[in-house]
Amino acid sequence: MNFLAHVYLSGQDEEKAIGNFIADSVRGKQYLEFPKGIQHGILLHREIDTYTDTHPIWRKDKKLLVPVYNHYAAVIIDMYYDHFLAKNWAIYHNVPLATYATEFYNTLERNFDLLPVKIQNFLSIMIRENWFTCYETIEGLGYILQQMDRRTKGISKMSQSTRELVEHYEELERDFTEFFKELELHVAFVQKSPRFTSI
């Protein structure tokens, strides 16, 4: 899962959403340095990633891309899934995506000092280019993938990867819908476990 899905799966809790958003920039037990709500979000992010990486639907879709994109296939599938979430946003949330995105960006800016340096460094670009709403269209997603490809100096070939999205669009969207329904149930279940309730 990529940024939009992680934030969405945090529900209405701002601290949890921040933690879920920044988790890839927090290593090991560094999460203990953050407020409790953010700790919860970081641990939830890790749980989501573990569940996703072992799920047969996600693994099938990743396998589709491995021959061309190698280990970058995982990142690309996560981006595809954020696209389908954004495209079908009204099914999942009653607040329009543009409004939801702006509110979350405002949350990040209010809590800027809590963010890891890596997040602080790209936050202004994310807000200016409005990544969350970019995910909504294939063209917008393609733009973000091009930016990511540049950061790998073209090695990832991610700038080309909307080609497979278009080619397998209906299958991938069906897979996302089925997978995400199961992921939402899993997230609801694990948050009732002692690992989370005891934080």
C-alpha atoms as a PDB file:
ATOM      1  CA  MET A   1       0.000   0.000   0.000  1.00  0.00           C
ATOM      2  CA  ASN A   2       1.123   3.518  -0.739  1.00  0.00           C
ATOM      3  CA  PHE A   3       0.514   6.856   1.021  1.00  0.00           C
ATOM      4  CA  LEU A   4      -3.192   7.361   0.326  1.00  0.00           C
ATOM      5  CA  ALA A   5      -4.245   3.873   1.411  1.00  0.00           C
ATOM      6  CA  HIS A   6      -2.170   4.039   4.582  1.00  0.00           C
ATOM      7  CA  VAL A   7      -3.688   7.355   5.601  1.00  0.00           C
ATOM      8  CA  TYR A   8      -7.220   6.203   4.759  1.00  0.00           C
ATOM      9  CA  LEU A   9      -6.800   3.028   6.828  1.00  0.00           C
ATOM     10  CA  SER A  10      -5.952   5.196   9.852  1.00  0.00           C
ATOM     11  CA  GLY A  11      -9.579   6.299  10.149  1.00  0.00           C
ATOM     12  CA  GLN A  12     -10.340   9.630  11.808  1.00  0.00           C
ATOM     13  CA  ASP A  13      -7.350   9.682  14.186  1.00  0.00           C
ATOM     14  CA  GLU A  14      -4.902  12.427  13.127  1.00  0.00           C
ATOM     15  CA  GLU A  15      -1.922  11.110  15.093  1.00  0.00           C
ATOM     16  CA  LYS A  16      -2.468   7.599  13.800  1.00  0.00           C
ATOM     17  CA  ALA A  17      -2.631   8.966  10.237  1.00  0.00           C
ATOM     18  CA  ILE A  18       0.651  10.856  10.733  1.00  0.00           C
ATOM     19  CA  GLY A  19       2.321   7.719  12.059  1.00  0.00           C
ATOM     20  CA  ASN A  20       0.985   5.608   9.215  1.00  0.00           C
ATOM     21  CA  PHE A  21       2.238   8.215   6.740  1.00  0.00           C
ATOM     22  CA  ILE A  22       5.773   8.583   8.120  1.00  0.00           C
ATOM     23  CA  ALA A  23       6.397   4.948   9.070  1.00  0.00           C
ATOM     24  CA  ASP A  24       8.738   4.082   6.177  1.00  0.00           C
ATOM     25  CA  SER A  25      11.112   6.761   7.485  1.00  0.00           C
ATOM     26  CA  VAL A  26      11.133   5.382  11.028  1.00  0.00           C
ATOM     27  CA  ARG A  27      13.505   2.480  11.709  1.00  0.00           C
ATOM     28  CA  GLY A  28      13.214  -0.243  14.335  1.00  0.00           C
ATOM     29  CA  LYS A  29      12.406   1.021  17.805  1.00  0.00           C
ATOM     30  CA  GLN A  30      12.708   4.667  16.815  1.00  0.00           C
ATOM     31  CA  TYR A  31       8.904   4.672  16.832  1.00  0.00           C
ATOM     32  CA  LEU A  32       9.077   4.817  20.639  1.00  0.00           C
ATOM     33  CA  GLU A  33      10.392   8.389  20.373  1.00  0.00           C
ATOM     34  CA  PHE A  34       6.986   9.598  19.096  1.00  0.00           C
ATOM     35  CA  PRO A  35       3.711  10.337  20.915  1.00  0.00           C
ATOM     36  CA  LYS A  36       1.517   7.306  21.583  1.00  0.00           C
ATOM     37  CA  GLY A  37      -0.955   7.994  18.784  1.00  0.00           C
ATOM     38  CA  ILE A  38       1.832   8.259  16.213  1.00  0.00           C
ATOM     39  CA  GLN A  39       3.407   5.065  17.589  1.00  0.00           C
ATOM     40  CA  HIS A  40       0.095   3.335  16.941  1.00  0.00           C
ATOM     41  CA  GLY A  41       0.093   4.582  13.352  1.00  0.00           C
ATOM     42  CA  ILE A  42       3.651   3.413  12.717  1.00  0.00           C
ATOM     43  CA  LEU A  43       2.898  -0.069  14.045  1.00  0.00           C
ATOM     44  CA  LEU A  44      -0.318  -0.191  12.033  1.00  0.00           C
ATOM     45  CA  HIS A  45       1.633   0.726   8.886  1.00  0.00           C
ATOM     46  CA  ARG A  46       4.026  -2.147   9.502  1.00  0.00           C
ATOM     47  CA  GLU A  47       1.117  -4.531  10.055  1.00  0.00           C
ATOM     48  CA  ILE A  48      -0.510  -3.390   6.796  1.00  0.00           C
ATOM     49  CA  ASP A  49       2.739  -3.911   4.892  1.00  0.00           C
ATOM     50  CA  THR A  50       3.238  -7.401   6.320  1.00  0.00           C
ATOM     51  CA  TYR A  51      -0.316  -8.406   5.472  1.00  0.00           C
ATOM     52  CA  THR A  52      -0.059  -6.930   1.968  1.00  0.00           C
ATOM     53  CA  ASP A  53       3.304  -8.487   1.124  1.00  0.00           C
ATOM     54  CA  THR A  54       2.038 -11.976   1.936  1.00  0.00           C
ATOM     55  CA  HIS A  55      -1.429 -11.699   0.386  1.00  0.00           C
ATOM     56  CA  PRO A  56      -1.944 -13.964  -2.665  1.00  0.00           C
ATOM     57  CA  ILE A  57      -3.791 -11.315  -4.703  1.00  0.00           C
ATOM     58  CA  TRP A  58      -1.109  -8.667  -4.232  1.00  0.00           C
ATOM     59  CA  ARG A  59       1.620 -11.240  -4.898  1.00  0.00           C
ATOM     60  CA  LYS A  60      -0.101 -12.315  -8.128  1.00  0.00           C
ATOM     61  CA  ASP A  61      -0.281  -8.731  -9.356  1.00  0.00           C
ATOM     62  CA  LYS A  62       3.321  -8.082  -8.394  1.00  0.00           C
ATOM     63  CA  LYS A  63       4.415 -11.191 -10.318  1.00  0.00           C
ATOM     64  CA  LEU A  64       2.849  -9.692 -13.426  1.00  0.00           C
ATOM     65  CA  LEU A  65       5.367  -6.818 -13.313  1.00  0.00           C
ATOM     66  CA  VAL A  66       8.513  -8.543 -12.051  1.00  0.00           C
ATOM     67  CA  PRO A  67       9.887  -9.533 -15.498  1.00  0.00           C
ATOM     68  CA  VAL A  68      10.158  -5.863 -16.501  1.00  0.00           C
ATOM     69  CA  TYR A  69      10.520  -3.976 -13.206  1.00  0.00           C
ATOM     70  CA  ASN A  70      12.219  -6.500 -10.894  1.00  0.00           C
ATOM     71  CA  HIS A  71      12.052  -5.423  -7.232  1.00  0.00           C
ATOM     72  CA  TYR A  72      10.385  -2.124  -8.203  1.00  0.00           C
ATOM     73  CA  ALA A  73       7.282  -4.155  -9.125  1.00  0.00           C
ATOM     74  CA  ALA A  74       6.144  -4.014  -5.480  1.00  0.00           C
ATOM     75  CA  VAL A  75       6.256  -0.216  -5.418  1.00  0.00           C
ATOM     76  CA  ILE A  76       4.396   0.009  -8.714  1.00  0.00           C
ATOM     77  CA  ILE A  77       1.579  -2.299  -7.603  1.00  0.00           C
ATOM     78  CA  ASP A  78       1.193  -0.210  -4.449  1.00  0.00           C
ATOM     79  CA  MET A  79       0.864   2.860  -6.677  1.00  0.00           C
ATOM     80  CA  TYR A  80      -1.703   1.109  -8.875  1.00  0.00           C
ATOM     81  CA  TYR A  81      -3.727   0.269  -5.783  1.00  0.00           C
ATOM     82  CA  ASP A  82      -3.636   3.890  -4.605  1.00  0.00           C
ATOM     83  CA  HIS A  83      -4.927   4.836  -8.058  1.00  0.00           C
ATOM     84  CA  PHE A  84      -7.913   2.520  -7.714  1.00  0.00           C
ATOM     85  CA  LEU A  85      -8.622   3.807  -4.216  1.00  0.00           C
ATOM     86  CA  ALA A  86      -8.514   7.415  -5.433  1.00  0.00           C
ATOM     87  CA  LYS A  87     -10.567   6.689  -8.541  1.00  0.00           C
ATOM     88  CA  ASN A  88     -13.297   4.981  -6.495  1.00  0.00           C
ATOM     89  CA  TRP A  89     -12.918   7.256  -3.472  1.00  0.00           C
ATOM     90  CA  ALA A  90     -16.643   8.013  -3.150  1.00  0.00           C
ATOM     91  CA  ILE A  91     -17.267   4.323  -2.417  1.00  0.00           C
ATOM     92  CA  TYR A  92     -14.905   4.416   0.558  1.00  0.00           C
ATOM     93  CA  HIS A  93     -15.309   7.884   2.053  1.00  0.00           C
ATOM     94  CA  ASN A  94     -18.020  10.534   2.270  1.00  0.00           C
ATOM     95  CA  VAL A  95     -15.560  13.462   2.163  1.00  0.00           C
ATOM     96  CA  PRO A  96     -14.450  14.364  -1.403  1.00  0.00           C
ATOM     97  CA  LEU A  97     -10.858  13.366  -2.116  1.00  0.00           C
ATOM     98  CA  ALA A  98      -9.713  16.935  -2.802  1.00  0.00           C
ATOM     99  CA  THR A  99     -11.055  18.065   0.574  1.00  0.00           C
ATOM    100  CA  TYR A 100      -9.669  15.017   2.357  1.00  0.00           C
ATOM    101  CA  ALA A 101      -6.236  15.602   0.817  1.00  0.00           C
ATOM    102  CA  THR A 102      -6.167  19.283   1.808  1.00  0.00           C
ATOM    103  CA  GLU A 103      -7.190  18.482   5.375  1.00  0.00           C
ATOM    104  CA  PHE A 104      -4.451  15.887   5.690  1.00  0.00           C
ATOM    105  CA  TYR A 105      -1.811  18.190   4.208  1.00  0.00           C
ATOM    106  CA  ASN A 106      -2.868  20.797   6.785  1.00  0.00           C
ATOM    107  CA  THR A 107      -2.453  18.199   9.528  1.00  0.00           C
ATOM    108  CA  LEU A 108       1.091  17.478   8.356  1.00  0.00           C
ATOM    109  CA  GLU A 109       1.970  21.168   8.240  1.00  0.00           C
ATOM    110  CA  ARG A 110       0.618  21.711  11.771  1.00  0.00           C
ATOM    111  CA  ASN A 111       2.803  18.838  12.980  1.00  0.00           C
ATOM    112  CA  PHE A 112       5.816  19.606  10.790  1.00  0.00           C
ATOM    113  CA  ASP A 113       8.326  19.463  13.657  1.00  0.00           C
ATOM    114  CA  LEU A 114       7.293  15.887  14.456  1.00  0.00           C
ATOM    115  CA  LEU A 115       8.001  14.638  10.933  1.00  0.00           C
ATOM    116  CA  PRO A 116      11.260  12.852  10.041  1.00  0.00           C
ATOM    117  CA  VAL A 117      13.660  15.004   8.008  1.00  0.00           C
ATOM    118  CA  LYS A 118      13.100  12.879   4.900  1.00  0.00           C
ATOM    119  CA  ILE A 119       9.366  13.655   5.036  1.00  0.00           C
ATOM    120  CA  GLN A 120       9.976  17.335   5.767  1.00  0.00           C
ATOM    121  CA  ASN A 121      12.180  17.554   2.668  1.00  0.00           C
ATOM    122  CA  PHE A 122       9.507  16.414   0.212  1.00  0.00           C
ATOM    123  CA  LEU A 123       6.355  17.646   1.943  1.00  0.00           C
ATOM    124  CA  SER A 124       6.186  20.976   0.092  1.00  0.00           C
ATOM    125  CA  ILE A 125       6.488  19.183  -3.258  1.00  0.00           C
ATOM    126  CA  MET A 126       3.794  16.687  -2.284  1.00  0.00           C
ATOM    127  CA  ILE A 127       1.400  19.463  -1.328  1.00  0.00           C
ATOM    128  CA  ARG A 128       2.188  21.655  -4.338  1.00  0.00           C
ATOM    129  CA  GLU A 129       1.685  18.762  -6.782  1.00  0.00           C
ATOM    130  CA  ASN A 130      -1.224  17.375  -4.735  1.00  0.00           C
ATOM    131  CA  TRP A 131      -0.143  13.754  -4.933  1.00  0.00           C
ATOM    132  CA  PHE A 132      -3.336  12.327  -3.444  1.00  0.00           C
ATOM    133  CA  THR A 133      -5.546  13.774  -6.162  1.00  0.00           C
ATOM    134  CA  CYS A 134      -2.946  12.968  -8.839  1.00  0.00           C
ATOM    135  CA  TYR A 135      -3.494   9.298  -8.065  1.00  0.00           C
ATOM    136  CA  GLU A 136      -7.087   9.633  -9.296  1.00  0.00           C
ATOM    137  CA  THR A 137      -6.243   9.521 -13.026  1.00  0.00           C
ATOM    138  CA  ILE A 138      -3.863   7.386 -15.058  1.00  0.00           C
ATOM    139  CA  GLU A 139      -2.211  10.569 -16.328  1.00  0.00           C
ATOM    140  CA  GLY A 140      -1.739  11.910 -12.820  1.00  0.00           C
ATOM    141  CA  LEU A 141      -0.380   8.608 -11.580  1.00  0.00           C
ATOM    142  CA  GLY A 142       1.959   8.522 -14.566  1.00  0.00           C
ATOM    143  CA  TYR A 143       3.323  11.938 -13.604  1.00  0.00           C
ATOM    144  CA  ILE A 144       4.129  10.757 -10.061  1.00  0.00           C
ATOM    145  CA  LEU A 145       5.739   7.577 -11.409  1.00  0.00           C
ATOM    146  CA  GLN A 146       7.907   9.694 -13.714  1.00  0.00           C
ATOM    147  CA  GLN A 147       9.139  11.716 -10.728  1.00  0.00           C
ATOM    148  CA  MET A 148       9.947   8.508  -8.863  1.00  0.00           C
ATOM    149  CA  ASP A 149      11.768   7.135 -11.904  1.00  0.00           C
ATOM    150  CA  ARG A 150      13.946  10.229 -12.043  1.00  0.00           C
ATOM    151  CA  ARG A 151      15.008   9.648  -8.449  1.00  0.00           C
ATOM    152  CA  THR A 152      16.277   6.193  -9.494  1.00  0.00           C
ATOM    153  CA  LYS A 153      18.005   7.759 -12.540  1.00  0.00           C
ATOM    154  CA  GLY A 154      15.786   5.697 -14.823  1.00  0.00           C
ATOM    155  CA  ILE A 155      16.837   2.347 -13.390  1.00  0.00           C
ATOM    156  CA  SER A 156      13.357   1.539 -12.091  1.00  0.00           C
ATOM    157  CA  LYS A 157      11.624   2.184 -15.466  1.00  0.00           C
ATOM    158  CA  MET A 158       8.609   3.328 -13.446  1.00  0.00           C
ATOM    159  CA  SER A 159       7.916   6.071 -15.982  1.00  0.00           C
ATOM    160  CA  GLN A 160       6.805   3.308 -18.372  1.00  0.00           C
ATOM    161  CA  SER A 161       4.652   1.399 -15.919  1.00  0.00           C
ATOM    162  CA  THR A 162       1.252   2.874 -16.710  1.00  0.00           C
ATOM    163  CA  ARG A 163       1.483   0.717 -19.832  1.00  0.00           C
ATOM    164  CA  GLU A 164       0.804  -2.454 -17.837  1.00  0.00           C
ATOM    165  CA  LEU A 165      -1.870  -0.670 -15.819  1.00  0.00           C
ATOM    166  CA  VAL A 166      -3.794   0.135 -18.994  1.00  0.00           C
ATOM    167  CA  GLU A 167      -3.225  -3.314 -20.485  1.00  0.00           C
ATOM    168  CA  HIS A 168      -4.505  -5.196 -17.405  1.00  0.00           C
ATOM    169  CA  TYR A 169      -6.789  -2.492 -16.026  1.00  0.00           C
ATOM    170  CA  GLU A 170      -9.991  -4.471 -15.391  1.00  0.00           C
ATOM    171  CA  GLU A 171      -8.173  -7.417 -13.823  1.00  0.00           C
ATOM    172  CA  LEU A 172      -6.086  -5.185 -11.571  1.00  0.00           C
ATOM    173  CA  GLU A 173      -9.110  -3.169 -10.466  1.00  0.00           C
ATOM    174  CA  ARG A 174     -11.018  -6.351  -9.582  1.00  0.00           C
ATOM    175  CA  ASP A 175      -7.996  -7.588  -7.656  1.00  0.00           C
ATOM    176  CA  PHE A 176      -7.695  -4.325  -5.753  1.00  0.00           C
ATOM    177  CA  THR A 177     -11.378  -4.310  -4.816  1.00  0.00           C
ATOM    178  CA  GLU A 178     -11.258  -7.861  -3.467  1.00  0.00           C
ATOM    179  CA  PHE A 179      -7.932  -7.375  -1.699  1.00  0.00           C
ATOM    180  CA  PHE A 180      -8.830  -4.028  -0.123  1.00  0.00           C
ATOM    181  CA  LYS A 181     -12.054  -5.385   1.335  1.00  0.00           C
ATOM    182  CA  GLU A 182     -10.022  -8.086   3.098  1.00  0.00           C
ATOM    183  CA  LEU A 183      -7.371  -5.591   4.182  1.00  0.00           C
ATOM    184  CA  GLU A 184      -9.961  -3.309   5.797  1.00  0.00           C
ATOM    185  CA  LEU A 185     -11.319  -6.249   7.788  1.00  0.00           C
ATOM    186  CA  HIS A 186      -7.801  -7.229   8.856  1.00  0.00           C
ATOM    187  CA  VAL A 187      -6.977  -3.684   9.976  1.00  0.00           C
ATOM    188  CA  ALA A 188     -10.158  -3.520  12.064  1.00  0.00           C
ATOM    189  CA  PHE A 189      -9.335  -6.875  13.654  1.00  0.00           C
ATOM    190  CA  VAL A 190      -5.664  -6.285  14.517  1.00  0.00           C
ATOM    191  CA  GLN A 191      -6.367  -2.919  16.136  1.00  0.00           C
ATOM    192  CA  LYS A 192      -8.387  -4.754  18.784  1.00  0.00           C
ATOM    193  CA  SER A 193      -5.398  -6.927  19.676  1.00  0.00           C
ATOM    194  CA  PRO A 194      -3.322  -6.316  22.871  1.00  0.00           C
ATOM    195  CA  ARG A 195      -0.391  -5.175  20.743  1.00  0.00           C
ATOM    196  CA  PHE A 196      -2.361  -2.046  19.826  1.00  0.00           C
ATOM    197  CA  THR A 197      -4.773  -1.596  22.739  1.00  0.00           C
ATOM    198  CA  SER A 198      -1.898  -1.602  25.243  1.00  0.00           C
ATOM    199  CA  ILE A 199      -0.078   1.355  23.636  1.00  0.00           C
END
